[in-house]
Amino acid sequence: MNPEKVVFGFFIVLALTLNFGFFIGEIDNPEHHHAWELFAVVLVNLIATVLKFGDRTHMGALLLATSLVAILQLVTASLIWAIAAHATTGGVTSSVTASIVSLSGGAMIANVISVVLLVIETYTLRR
């Protein structure tokens, strides 16, 4: 067993499950989506992205691309949340929450693709 692969797989799957946890709930209800959970999703996705930098294979490039897409969407969602909460008078409204959760959903799709690619890579290594 390769401990590096275990850590790599752990963070990819953790990124997906945390993102799913943030995404689930009524899309426009701010009470169903917590800021600290979004922070955890961003942090774990950043760690997963850093772990993908060492792989020089074609599959590694695809994994990195999906991770960068997820980071871009999650950082955008975090910026929208921060601006709405601290720079506007309306605060985090239901329409702002819907935008944040939608971006999180896009990141979750990128994370699903990462997990699928990881499973495919694992399957091809067994053969």
Protein backbone atom coordinates (compact mmCIF):
# COMPACT_ATOMS: atom_id res chain seq x y z
CA MET A 1 0.00 0.00 0.00
CA ASN A 2 1.32 3.42 -0.97
CA PRO A 3 0.69 5.97 1.83
CA GLU A 4 0.99 8.86 -0.63
CA LYS A 5 -1.86 7.44 -2.73
CA VAL A 6 -3.95 6.93 0.41
CA VAL A 7 -3.56 10.58 1.43
CA PHE A 8 -4.22 11.69 -2.14
CA GLY A 9 -7.41 9.62 -2.39
CA PHE A 10 -8.49 10.70 1.09
CA PHE A 11 -8.40 14.41 0.23
CA ILE A 12 -10.12 13.94 -3.12
CA VAL A 13 -12.99 12.01 -1.54
CA LEU A 14 -13.12 14.37 1.47
CA ALA A 15 -13.37 17.35 -0.89
CA LEU A 16 -16.35 15.73 -2.61
CA THR A 17 -18.15 14.75 0.60
CA LEU A 18 -17.66 18.15 2.26
CA ASN A 19 -18.86 19.88 -0.88
CA PHE A 20 -21.93 17.64 -0.96
CA GLY A 21 -22.61 18.46 2.68
CA PHE A 22 -22.54 22.17 1.95
CA PHE A 23 -24.59 21.81 -1.24
CA ILE A 24 -27.44 19.76 0.22
CA GLY A 25 -30.46 21.68 1.53
CA GLU A 26 -32.84 24.27 0.18
CA ILE A 27 -30.87 26.23 -2.40
CA ASP A 28 -32.10 29.64 -1.27
CA ASN A 29 -32.21 29.13 2.50
CA PRO A 30 -29.11 30.63 4.18
CA GLU A 31 -29.80 28.56 7.31
CA HIS A 32 -29.07 25.35 5.38
CA HIS A 33 -25.60 26.46 4.25
CA HIS A 34 -23.00 27.49 6.81
CA ALA A 35 -20.03 29.78 6.09
CA TRP A 36 -17.61 27.58 8.07
CA GLU A 37 -18.61 24.57 6.03
CA LEU A 38 -17.85 26.49 2.84
CA PHE A 39 -14.50 27.47 4.36
CA ALA A 40 -13.74 23.79 5.06
CA VAL A 41 -14.67 22.88 1.48
CA VAL A 42 -12.32 25.54 0.10
CA LEU A 43 -9.48 24.49 2.41
CA VAL A 44 -9.74 20.77 1.61
CA ASN A 45 -10.00 21.50 -2.12
CA LEU A 46 -6.86 23.62 -1.90
CA ILE A 47 -5.02 20.77 -0.18
CA ALA A 48 -6.26 18.31 -2.81
CA THR A 49 -5.08 20.67 -5.55
CA VAL A 50 -1.60 20.97 -4.06
CA LEU A 51 -1.35 17.17 -3.85
CA LYS A 52 -2.13 16.92 -7.58
CA PHE A 53 0.79 19.12 -8.67
CA GLY A 54 3.40 16.34 -8.57
CA ASP A 55 1.73 14.00 -11.08
CA ARG A 56 3.12 14.46 -14.60
CA THR A 57 0.82 11.99 -16.37
CA HIS A 58 -2.10 12.81 -18.62
CA MET A 59 -4.47 11.61 -15.90
CA GLY A 60 -2.66 13.89 -13.44
CA ALA A 61 -3.25 16.84 -15.75
CA LEU A 62 -6.97 16.04 -15.92
CA LEU A 63 -7.16 15.68 -12.13
CA LEU A 64 -5.42 19.03 -11.71
CA ALA A 65 -7.77 20.69 -14.21
CA THR A 66 -10.86 19.47 -12.37
CA SER A 67 -9.38 20.63 -9.09
CA LEU A 68 -8.62 24.09 -10.48
CA VAL A 69 -12.21 24.38 -11.74
CA ALA A 70 -13.51 23.47 -8.28
CA ILE A 71 -11.21 26.00 -6.60
CA LEU A 72 -12.24 28.75 -9.01
CA GLN A 73 -15.93 28.17 -8.32
CA LEU A 74 -15.50 27.82 -4.56
CA VAL A 75 -13.37 30.94 -4.25
CA THR A 76 -15.94 32.84 -6.31
CA ALA A 77 -18.72 31.56 -4.02
CA SER A 78 -16.70 32.64 -0.97
CA LEU A 79 -16.12 36.11 -2.41
CA ILE A 80 -19.83 36.50 -3.15
CA TRP A 81 -20.64 35.47 0.42
CA ALA A 82 -18.06 37.85 1.91
CA ILE A 83 -19.18 40.78 -0.23
CA ALA A 84 -22.85 40.15 0.52
CA ALA A 85 -22.25 39.75 4.25
CA HIS A 86 -19.85 42.64 4.77
CA ALA A 87 -20.12 45.11 1.91
CA THR A 88 -23.83 45.32 1.14
CA THR A 89 -26.76 46.49 3.18
CA GLY A 90 -28.97 43.56 2.16
CA GLY A 91 -26.70 40.88 3.59
CA VAL A 92 -26.86 37.25 2.55
CA THR A 93 -30.31 37.04 0.98
CA SER A 94 -31.99 34.02 -0.55
CA SER A 95 -30.91 35.02 -4.07
CA VAL A 96 -27.29 35.45 -2.94
CA THR A 97 -27.44 32.08 -1.19
CA ALA A 98 -28.79 30.49 -4.37
CA SER A 99 -25.81 31.87 -6.32
CA ILE A 100 -23.35 30.61 -3.71
CA VAL A 101 -24.91 27.14 -3.61
CA SER A 102 -25.05 26.99 -7.42
CA LEU A 103 -21.32 27.69 -7.63
CA SER A 104 -20.75 25.05 -4.98
CA GLY A 105 -22.76 22.61 -7.11
CA GLY A 106 -20.50 23.28 -10.07
CA ALA A 107 -17.48 22.61 -7.88
CA MET A 108 -19.12 19.42 -6.66
CA ILE A 109 -19.47 18.21 -10.26
CA ALA A 110 -15.76 18.88 -10.76
CA ASN A 111 -15.06 16.89 -7.59
CA VAL A 112 -17.23 14.01 -8.85
CA ILE A 113 -15.20 13.98 -12.06
CA SER A 114 -12.01 13.86 -9.97
CA VAL A 115 -13.26 10.86 -8.02
CA VAL A 116 -14.37 9.10 -11.21
CA LEU A 117 -10.95 9.73 -12.77
CA LEU A 118 -9.27 8.41 -9.63
CA VAL A 119 -11.36 5.23 -9.79
CA ILE A 120 -10.54 4.82 -13.50
CA GLU A 121 -6.84 5.31 -12.82
CA THR A 122 -6.96 2.78 -9.98
CA TYR A 123 -8.77 0.28 -12.18
CA THR A 124 -6.24 0.62 -15.02
CA LEU A 125 -3.33 0.13 -12.60
CA ARG A 126 -4.81 -3.19 -11.47
CA ARG A 127 -4.80 -4.56 -15.03
